[in-house]
Amino acid sequence: MKFFILLLCFLFPFALAYLIKTTQISVFVTLIIIILFTILVVSYLNKNNGNAQFSLKSFLFKTKKKN
């Protein structure tokens, strides 16, 4: 799943630009796609928080690590 998310993060801007150019989707639809993609990535980071180096909570709230 990690490689799938990394691949999506790399290809998402190009796919979105292609959709905007060829199908001329509206700004509202573009925002919905971006929000859904963000929810997917955030849910993946929250689910795998225990065994990953990256902590979404410490990144967003800048908490200090306790030793």
Protein backbone atom coordinates (compact mmCIF):
# COMPACT_ATOMS: atom_id res chain seq x y z
CA MET A 1 0.00 0.00 0.00
CA LYS A 2 2.92 2.33 0.72
CA PHE A 3 4.15 2.13 -2.87
CA PHE A 4 0.63 2.67 -4.18
CA ILE A 5 0.30 5.89 -2.13
CA LEU A 6 3.74 7.08 -3.23
CA LEU A 7 2.90 6.37 -6.86
CA LEU A 8 -0.41 8.20 -6.53
CA CYS A 9 1.29 11.20 -4.93
CA PHE A 10 3.73 11.37 -7.83
CA LEU A 11 1.19 10.87 -10.62
CA PHE A 12 -1.77 12.76 -9.14
CA PRO A 13 -0.78 16.27 -10.36
CA PHE A 14 -0.18 15.01 -13.89
CA ALA A 15 -3.45 13.09 -14.00
CA LEU A 16 -5.35 16.08 -12.65
CA ALA A 17 -3.76 18.40 -15.20
CA TYR A 18 -4.67 15.95 -17.97
CA LEU A 19 -8.29 15.79 -16.77
CA ILE A 20 -8.56 19.56 -16.57
CA LYS A 21 -7.13 20.06 -20.05
CA THR A 22 -8.96 17.33 -21.95
CA THR A 23 -12.36 17.16 -20.27
CA GLN A 24 -12.46 20.75 -18.99
CA ILE A 25 -13.89 19.81 -15.60
CA SER A 26 -15.10 22.60 -13.37
CA VAL A 27 -13.26 24.07 -10.41
CA PHE A 28 -15.80 22.50 -8.05
CA VAL A 29 -15.09 18.99 -9.35
CA THR A 30 -11.35 19.64 -9.18
CA LEU A 31 -11.63 20.69 -5.54
CA ILE A 32 -13.66 17.59 -4.70
CA ILE A 33 -11.01 15.35 -6.31
CA ILE A 34 -8.22 17.11 -4.38
CA ILE A 35 -10.11 16.83 -1.07
CA LEU A 36 -10.84 13.13 -1.62
CA PHE A 37 -7.20 12.46 -2.45
CA THR A 38 -6.10 14.35 0.66
CA ILE A 39 -8.49 12.31 2.81
CA LEU A 40 -7.04 9.10 1.31
CA VAL A 41 -3.45 10.10 2.11
CA VAL A 42 -4.27 11.36 5.62
CA SER A 43 -6.21 8.22 6.48
CA TYR A 44 -3.30 6.08 5.29
CA LEU A 45 -0.83 8.09 7.39
CA ASN A 46 -3.06 7.86 10.47
CA LYS A 47 -3.59 4.13 10.06
CA ASN A 48 0.13 3.37 9.70
CA ASN A 49 1.29 5.83 12.33
CA GLY A 50 2.54 3.15 14.74
CA ASN A 51 5.15 1.59 12.46
CA ALA A 52 6.25 4.60 10.41
CA GLN A 53 8.82 7.27 11.04
CA PHE A 54 6.47 10.03 9.93
CA SER A 55 3.91 11.13 12.48
CA LEU A 56 1.09 13.23 11.09
CA LYS A 57 0.12 14.43 14.56
CA SER A 58 3.60 15.69 15.42
CA PHE A 59 3.91 17.29 11.98
CA LEU A 60 0.64 19.21 12.27
CA PHE A 61 0.82 20.15 15.94
CA LYS A 62 4.63 20.43 16.30
CA THR A 63 4.72 18.46 19.54
CA LYS A 64 8.01 17.64 21.19
CA LYS A 65 9.07 14.01 21.33
CA LYS A 66 9.32 12.60 24.85
CA ASN A 67 12.27 10.39 25.66
